[in-house]
Amino acid sequence: MLTFIIVLGIVLVLAILYFIFRIGNLVELVKEKDEDISSSNSVHAYLFMLFMIAGLVGFFWYSYAHFDSYNLPVASEHGEVTDYLFWVTMAVTVVAFVLIFIVMFWFTFKYRYEKGRKAAFFADDHKLEIAWTVIPAIVLALLIFSGLRAWNDITGEASKDAAVIEVIGQQFFWTARYPGKDNLLGKHNYKMIDASNEFGLDLSEENTWDDFKSMELHLPKGKEVKLVIRAKDVLHIVFLPHFRVKMDAVPGMHTTFKFTVTKSTADMRSETGNPNFNYEMACTEICGRNHFAMRFPVFVHDTVEDYENWLKSQEAWLKQNPDYLKYVPAEKREAAIVKAGIPADSQEAIQAAVTVTLN
């Protein structure tokens, strides 16, 4: 109720100010104070010119002075292409903006109201109209097709030896799934999602047996990475600013993005002079009240060998959750135990073997 009263009060105040302004204009028109109108317009015209100069100076000064705060270092091959396209687009739009800005305010100044001045008539100029239509169309077409080529590249097929990683978003955190030694992500089924099996792993499919979960995104330097992205509840967005990676995570479908990292975490700590620097993945889709909490640590290994050693040191999800062997078809459980690295003398493995024998 209080909010409604405040809004209503603001609306009434604005309405009163509007009517006061209108009444003032009507009174001046009735009194026919042409000399006051001319003087007032001159003052406004000079103020417009002052605003134009101050606005352009402020725009370029702020852009230069704070350049490092909004232009993060590029750390991927794809990022170099993206930044190039961005700055070409920025150059085109800034030149157009400055020209239009100057012309608009200059016309406001030069052709301000003066008593006795009459507007000049100009007939249609078809050549001029064609020029200011065709030239922007060509420039925009070049920008669009350049961007489309980059888009087709990052969403195209990854190389056979690319590191494949699945990233899953949900309110309000991220998880990552990595393939095991077979370098193949297993199938998933949303009907199989529960408190432990948050990926919905379909354990009847053998490629899932050695997949593992990580609460950090680990990436190799110098090797192509293919992100397979999905969401479990609402729309999220994967955003890796230093790699210029941004892609929707959509419930019910996969999206993909491929890129190659060029700077490891250690490289960036050296470049920035910050020993505590860490890459981060964020969600840039407002997905709920705790959207701000969707920050995912990212670590880039110095070499592909370091990354592969980290992969080998991780335990399969099935090994960490051996009670899920019951969801593996009886005739495949022995193979699942071996592939997941479950100790043969564990209670779950013994129970699985007994079940297979009884069947």
Protein backbone atom coordinates (compact mmCIF):
# COMPACT_ATOMS: atom_id res chain seq x y z
CA MET A 1 0.00 0.00 0.00
CA LEU A 2 2.85 2.37 0.89
CA THR A 3 4.53 1.68 -2.46
CA PHE A 4 1.29 2.45 -4.30
CA ILE A 5 0.91 5.78 -2.45
CA ILE A 6 4.53 6.76 -3.27
CA VAL A 7 4.09 5.90 -6.96
CA LEU A 8 0.79 7.78 -7.09
CA GLY A 9 2.43 10.81 -5.46
CA ILE A 10 5.27 10.83 -8.01
CA VAL A 11 2.79 10.60 -10.88
CA LEU A 12 0.75 13.53 -9.50
CA VAL A 13 3.88 15.68 -9.03
CA LEU A 14 4.98 14.98 -12.61
CA ALA A 15 1.49 15.79 -13.88
CA ILE A 16 1.47 19.11 -11.97
CA LEU A 17 4.90 20.06 -13.34
CA TYR A 18 3.76 19.22 -16.87
CA PHE A 19 0.69 21.43 -16.62
CA ILE A 20 2.72 24.29 -15.11
CA PHE A 21 5.12 24.04 -18.05
CA ARG A 22 2.23 24.02 -20.54
CA ILE A 23 0.54 27.02 -18.90
CA GLY A 24 3.82 28.95 -19.00
CA ASN A 25 4.21 28.28 -22.72
CA LEU A 26 0.64 29.32 -23.46
CA VAL A 27 1.03 32.55 -21.48
CA GLU A 28 4.19 33.43 -23.45
CA LEU A 29 2.42 32.74 -26.73
CA VAL A 30 -0.50 34.98 -25.75
CA LYS A 31 1.87 37.81 -24.79
CA GLU A 32 3.83 37.29 -28.06
CA LYS A 33 7.22 37.83 -26.47
CA ASP A 34 9.24 37.07 -29.58
CA GLU A 35 12.35 38.76 -28.26
CA ASP A 36 12.34 36.53 -25.14
CA ILE A 37 11.90 33.40 -27.28
CA SER A 38 14.83 34.36 -29.49
CA SER A 39 17.07 35.09 -26.50
CA SER A 40 16.07 31.89 -24.74
CA ASN A 41 16.76 29.80 -27.85
CA SER A 42 20.24 31.29 -28.19
CA VAL A 43 21.07 30.38 -24.60
CA HIS A 44 19.82 26.84 -25.14
CA ALA A 45 21.74 26.53 -28.40
CA TYR A 46 25.04 27.46 -26.72
CA LEU A 47 24.27 25.08 -23.86
CA PHE A 48 23.71 22.30 -26.40
CA MET A 49 27.14 22.97 -27.93
CA LEU A 50 28.71 22.93 -24.48
CA PHE A 51 26.97 19.63 -23.73
CA MET A 52 28.24 18.18 -27.02
CA ILE A 53 31.87 19.05 -26.26
CA ALA A 54 31.67 17.90 -22.64
CA GLY A 55 29.90 14.69 -23.67
CA LEU A 56 32.48 13.72 -26.30
CA VAL A 57 35.43 14.58 -24.04
CA GLY A 58 33.90 12.62 -21.15
CA PHE A 59 33.10 9.64 -23.40
CA PHE A 60 36.64 9.30 -24.78
CA TRP A 61 38.33 10.08 -21.46
CA TYR A 62 36.34 7.47 -19.54
CA SER A 63 36.86 4.85 -22.25
CA TYR A 64 40.63 5.40 -22.18
CA ALA A 65 41.09 5.84 -18.41
CA HIS A 66 39.09 2.75 -17.46
CA PHE A 67 40.05 0.54 -20.40
CA ASP A 68 41.70 -2.15 -18.25
CA SER A 69 38.70 -2.44 -15.95
CA TYR A 70 36.31 -3.55 -18.71
CA ASN A 71 38.68 -5.19 -21.18
CA LEU A 72 39.93 -8.41 -19.59
CA PRO A 73 43.03 -10.18 -20.96
CA VAL A 74 42.27 -12.69 -23.72
CA ALA A 75 43.19 -16.29 -22.91
CA SER A 76 41.87 -18.33 -25.85
CA GLU A 77 42.29 -18.55 -29.62
CA HIS A 78 38.58 -17.95 -30.07
CA GLY A 79 38.85 -14.86 -27.86
CA GLU A 80 41.29 -13.24 -30.28
CA VAL A 81 38.76 -13.61 -33.10
CA THR A 82 35.90 -12.36 -30.95
CA ASP A 83 37.83 -9.32 -29.75
CA TYR A 84 38.87 -8.44 -33.30
CA LEU A 85 35.25 -8.52 -34.47
CA PHE A 86 34.18 -6.56 -31.40
CA TRP A 87 36.68 -3.74 -31.93
CA VAL A 88 35.95 -3.51 -35.66
CA THR A 89 32.25 -3.17 -34.80
CA MET A 90 33.11 -0.67 -32.08
CA ALA A 91 35.18 1.45 -34.49
CA VAL A 92 32.36 1.56 -37.04
CA THR A 93 29.70 2.45 -34.49
CA VAL A 94 31.84 5.05 -32.67
CA VAL A 95 32.67 6.86 -35.93
CA ALA A 96 28.98 6.88 -36.88
CA PHE A 97 27.99 7.98 -33.38
CA VAL A 98 30.47 10.88 -33.25
CA LEU A 99 29.50 12.17 -36.71
CA ILE A 100 25.77 12.01 -35.96
CA PHE A 101 26.32 13.52 -32.50
CA ILE A 102 28.24 16.51 -33.90
CA VAL A 103 25.88 17.10 -36.83
CA MET A 104 22.79 16.87 -34.60
CA PHE A 105 24.04 19.44 -32.07
CA TRP A 106 25.55 21.71 -34.75
CA PHE A 107 22.21 21.86 -36.56
CA THR A 108 20.49 22.61 -33.24
CA PHE A 109 22.90 25.52 -32.75
CA LYS A 110 23.08 26.91 -36.28
CA TYR A 111 19.37 26.72 -37.09
CA ARG A 112 18.02 27.91 -33.76
CA TYR A 113 14.94 30.14 -33.83
CA GLU A 114 15.44 33.65 -35.17
CA LYS A 115 12.67 36.06 -35.98
CA GLY A 116 12.04 36.37 -39.70
CA ARG A 117 14.01 33.27 -40.71
CA LYS A 118 12.23 30.96 -43.11
CA ALA A 119 13.00 27.31 -43.74
CA ALA A 120 14.59 26.46 -47.08
CA PHE A 121 13.04 23.82 -49.31
CA PHE A 122 15.15 20.98 -50.74
CA ALA A 123 13.79 18.54 -53.28
CA ASP A 124 14.37 14.80 -52.93
CA ASP A 125 17.94 13.65 -53.61
CA HIS A 126 17.69 10.02 -54.71
CA LYS A 127 21.45 9.57 -55.06
CA LEU A 128 22.00 10.72 -51.47
CA GLU A 129 19.24 8.46 -50.17
CA ILE A 130 20.64 5.46 -52.06
CA ALA A 131 24.13 6.20 -50.71
CA TRP A 132 23.10 6.39 -47.05
CA THR A 133 21.06 3.22 -47.47
CA VAL A 134 23.48 1.05 -49.47
CA ILE A 135 26.71 1.94 -47.62
CA PRO A 136 25.41 1.04 -44.12
CA ALA A 137 23.80 -2.10 -45.57
CA ILE A 138 27.14 -3.26 -47.01
CA VAL A 139 29.02 -2.51 -43.77
CA LEU A 140 26.42 -4.31 -41.66
CA ALA A 141 26.40 -7.30 -44.02
CA LEU A 142 30.19 -7.63 -43.72
CA LEU A 143 29.98 -7.49 -39.92
CA ILE A 144 27.12 -10.01 -39.79
CA PHE A 145 28.77 -12.54 -42.11
CA SER A 146 32.08 -12.24 -40.24
CA GLY A 147 30.27 -12.96 -36.98
CA LEU A 148 28.34 -15.83 -38.55
CA ARG A 149 31.58 -17.44 -39.71
CA ALA A 150 33.00 -17.22 -36.16
CA TRP A 151 29.74 -18.64 -34.75
CA ASN A 152 29.78 -21.59 -37.16
CA ASP A 153 33.36 -22.31 -36.16
CA ILE A 154 32.79 -22.37 -32.39
CA THR A 155 29.61 -24.46 -32.66
CA GLY A 156 30.91 -26.85 -35.31
CA GLU A 157 32.33 -30.33 -34.87
CA ALA A 158 35.29 -30.55 -32.52
CA SER A 159 38.45 -32.48 -33.39
CA LYS A 160 38.61 -36.17 -32.47
CA ASP A 161 41.20 -35.61 -29.74
CA ALA A 162 39.39 -32.64 -28.15
CA ALA A 163 38.81 -32.68 -24.39
CA VAL A 164 35.06 -33.25 -23.95
CA ILE A 165 33.48 -31.86 -20.78
CA GLU A 166 29.83 -31.62 -19.79
CA VAL A 167 28.73 -28.60 -17.77
CA ILE A 168 25.37 -28.73 -16.02
CA GLY A 169 23.59 -25.75 -14.50
CA GLN A 170 20.90 -25.81 -11.86
CA GLN A 171 19.63 -23.47 -9.19
CA PHE A 172 22.08 -22.36 -7.89
CA PHE A 173 25.36 -24.08 -8.76
CA TRP A 174 27.33 -25.77 -11.53
CA THR A 175 28.72 -29.28 -11.83
CA ALA A 176 31.07 -30.74 -14.43
CA ARG A 177 31.21 -34.30 -15.79
CA TYR A 178 34.31 -35.73 -17.42
CA PRO A 179 34.70 -38.90 -19.46
CA GLY A 180 37.06 -41.59 -18.20
CA LYS A 181 39.85 -43.32 -20.13
CA ASP A 182 37.54 -43.97 -23.10
CA ASN A 183 37.15 -40.17 -23.60
CA LEU A 184 33.44 -40.72 -24.22
CA LEU A 185 30.67 -39.22 -22.12
CA GLY A 186 27.99 -41.74 -21.28
CA LYS A 187 24.30 -41.22 -21.93
CA HIS A 188 21.99 -39.65 -19.39
CA ASN A 189 18.27 -39.76 -18.76
CA TYR A 190 16.42 -37.09 -16.81
CA LYS A 191 14.16 -39.78 -15.33
CA MET A 192 17.17 -41.21 -13.50
CA ILE A 193 18.12 -37.98 -11.72
CA ASP A 194 18.02 -38.26 -7.94
CA ALA A 195 19.87 -36.82 -4.92
CA SER A 196 23.09 -38.72 -5.71
CA ASN A 197 22.82 -39.28 -9.45
CA GLU A 198 22.49 -35.58 -10.26
CA PHE A 199 23.61 -36.17 -13.83
CA GLY A 200 20.93 -38.77 -14.46
CA LEU A 201 23.56 -41.26 -15.63
CA ASP A 202 22.11 -44.16 -17.59
CA LEU A 203 24.16 -46.96 -16.05
CA SER A 204 22.90 -49.49 -18.57
CA GLU A 205 25.24 -47.78 -21.05
CA GLU A 206 28.91 -48.74 -20.63
CA ASN A 207 30.38 -45.31 -21.38
CA THR A 208 28.90 -43.96 -18.13
CA TRP A 209 30.80 -46.38 -15.88
CA ASP A 210 34.08 -44.43 -15.81
CA ASP A 211 32.62 -40.90 -16.00
CA PHE A 212 33.44 -38.73 -13.00
CA LYS A 213 32.17 -35.58 -11.36
CA SER A 214 34.11 -32.42 -10.53
CA MET A 215 33.14 -29.32 -8.60
CA GLU A 216 35.81 -27.37 -10.50
CA LEU A 217 36.24 -26.87 -14.22
CA HIS A 218 39.70 -28.14 -15.21
CA LEU A 219 40.97 -27.26 -18.68
CA PRO A 220 44.16 -28.05 -20.63
CA LYS A 221 46.30 -25.31 -22.13
CA GLY A 222 46.90 -25.69 -25.85
CA LYS A 223 44.31 -28.41 -26.49
CA GLU A 224 40.87 -27.95 -27.99
CA VAL A 225 38.03 -28.18 -25.49
CA LYS A 226 34.43 -29.02 -26.32
CA LEU A 227 31.87 -28.01 -23.72
CA VAL A 228 28.59 -29.90 -23.77
CA ILE A 229 26.13 -27.71 -21.89
CA ARG A 230 22.73 -28.42 -20.39
CA ALA A 231 20.44 -27.25 -17.58
CA LYS A 232 18.29 -29.22 -15.15
CA ASP A 233 15.66 -26.63 -14.23
CA VAL A 234 15.61 -23.14 -15.79
CA LEU A 235 17.64 -21.24 -18.35
CA HIS A 236 21.25 -20.54 -17.34
CA ILE A 237 24.21 -19.14 -19.28
CA VAL A 238 27.79 -20.40 -19.21
CA PHE A 239 30.11 -17.39 -19.17
CA LEU A 240 33.91 -17.64 -19.19
CA PRO A 241 34.97 -14.00 -19.69
CA HIS A 242 38.71 -14.49 -20.21
CA PHE A 243 38.06 -17.11 -22.90
CA ARG A 244 35.23 -15.07 -24.48
CA VAL A 245 32.92 -18.05 -24.07
CA LYS A 246 29.21 -17.48 -23.57
CA MET A 247 26.50 -20.03 -24.30
CA ASP A 248 22.97 -20.75 -23.08
CA ALA A 249 22.32 -23.77 -20.89
CA VAL A 250 18.82 -24.83 -21.92
CA PRO A 251 16.62 -27.39 -20.16
CA GLY A 252 15.83 -30.35 -22.38
CA MET A 253 18.59 -29.85 -24.96
CA HIS A 254 22.36 -29.71 -25.42
CA THR A 255 24.34 -26.69 -26.58
CA THR A 256 28.04 -26.86 -27.42
CA PHE A 257 31.01 -24.54 -27.59
CA LYS A 258 34.58 -25.33 -28.62
CA PHE A 259 37.68 -23.28 -27.88
CA THR A 260 41.40 -23.59 -27.14
CA VAL A 261 42.91 -22.01 -24.04
CA THR A 262 46.21 -20.19 -24.60
CA LYS A 263 47.10 -19.13 -21.03
CA SER A 264 47.21 -21.35 -17.97
CA THR A 265 46.27 -20.18 -14.50
CA ALA A 266 50.00 -19.81 -13.71
CA ASP A 267 50.48 -17.72 -16.87
CA MET A 268 47.69 -15.35 -15.88
CA ARG A 269 49.03 -15.00 -12.34
CA SER A 270 52.36 -13.96 -13.83
CA GLU A 271 50.79 -11.62 -16.41
CA THR A 272 48.50 -9.86 -13.95
CA GLY A 273 51.03 -9.83 -11.10
CA ASN A 274 48.33 -11.32 -8.86
CA PRO A 275 49.43 -14.58 -7.19
CA ASN A 276 45.81 -15.21 -6.13
CA PHE A 277 44.33 -14.90 -9.61
CA ASN A 278 41.88 -17.62 -10.58
CA TYR A 279 39.68 -18.04 -13.62
CA GLU A 280 35.95 -18.21 -12.94
CA MET A 281 32.80 -19.31 -14.70
CA ALA A 282 29.60 -17.43 -13.96
CA CYS A 283 25.94 -17.53 -14.90
CA THR A 284 24.78 -14.42 -16.76
CA GLU A 285 21.10 -15.32 -16.91
CA ILE A 286 19.05 -14.06 -13.97
CA CYS A 287 17.84 -17.50 -12.92
CA GLY A 288 16.40 -16.84 -9.47
CA ARG A 289 17.01 -15.27 -6.09
CA ASN A 290 20.48 -16.80 -5.59
CA HIS A 291 21.66 -16.26 -9.15
CA PHE A 292 24.68 -14.36 -7.79
CA ALA A 293 25.98 -17.56 -6.15
CA MET A 294 26.55 -19.42 -9.43
CA ARG A 295 30.32 -18.92 -9.49
CA PHE A 296 32.35 -21.93 -10.62
CA PRO A 297 36.12 -22.21 -10.06
CA VAL A 298 38.17 -22.79 -13.22
CA PHE A 299 41.74 -24.09 -13.32
CA VAL A 300 43.85 -24.26 -16.48
CA HIS A 301 46.76 -26.72 -16.40
CA ASP A 302 50.15 -25.69 -17.77
CA THR A 303 50.43 -28.66 -20.11
CA VAL A 304 48.23 -31.33 -21.64
CA GLU A 305 50.22 -33.92 -19.67
CA ASP A 306 49.36 -32.19 -16.38
CA TYR A 307 45.70 -32.18 -17.37
CA GLU A 308 45.78 -35.88 -18.29
CA ASN A 309 47.48 -36.74 -15.00
CA TRP A 310 44.70 -34.91 -13.18
CA LEU A 311 42.12 -36.92 -15.13
CA LYS A 312 43.83 -40.18 -14.13
CA SER A 313 43.82 -39.17 -10.47
CA GLN A 314 40.03 -38.83 -10.36
CA GLU A 315 37.67 -41.59 -9.27
CA ALA A 316 34.73 -42.67 -11.37
CA TRP A 317 31.32 -41.60 -10.11
CA LEU A 318 30.25 -45.25 -9.98
CA LYS A 319 33.26 -46.10 -7.81
CA GLN A 320 32.24 -43.37 -5.38
CA ASN A 321 28.64 -44.62 -5.46
CA PRO A 322 29.01 -48.43 -5.73
CA ASP A 323 25.48 -49.00 -4.42
CA TYR A 324 24.31 -47.88 -7.89
CA LEU A 325 25.67 -51.12 -9.35
CA LYS A 326 22.13 -52.40 -8.91
CA TYR A 327 21.12 -50.20 -11.85
CA VAL A 328 23.68 -51.87 -14.11
CA PRO A 329 22.25 -54.89 -15.99
CA ALA A 330 23.29 -58.09 -14.19
CA GLU A 331 25.23 -59.45 -17.15
CA LYS A 332 27.30 -56.23 -17.36
CA ARG A 333 28.12 -55.69 -13.69
CA GLU A 334 31.46 -57.44 -13.75
CA ALA A 335 32.61 -55.27 -16.65
CA ALA A 336 31.26 -52.18 -14.87
CA ILE A 337 33.21 -53.05 -11.72
CA VAL A 338 36.44 -53.31 -13.70
CA LYS A 339 35.89 -50.17 -15.78
CA ALA A 340 34.85 -48.06 -12.78
CA GLY A 341 37.84 -49.29 -10.74
CA ILE A 342 35.72 -50.68 -7.91
CA PRO A 343 37.81 -52.99 -5.69
CA ALA A 344 36.84 -56.60 -6.37
CA ASP A 345 36.74 -57.36 -2.62
CA SER A 346 34.33 -54.53 -1.79
CA GLN A 347 30.95 -55.46 -0.35
CA GLU A 348 29.12 -53.96 -3.32
CA ALA A 349 31.27 -55.87 -5.83
CA ILE A 350 30.78 -59.13 -3.95
CA GLN A 351 27.03 -58.56 -3.75
CA ALA A 352 26.92 -57.76 -7.47
CA ALA A 353 28.86 -60.95 -8.26
CA VAL A 354 26.47 -63.02 -6.14
CA THR A 355 23.49 -61.49 -7.96
CA VAL A 356 25.02 -62.33 -11.33
CA THR A 357 25.71 -65.91 -10.21
CA LEU A 358 22.17 -66.37 -8.94
CA ASN A 359 20.75 -65.08 -12.20
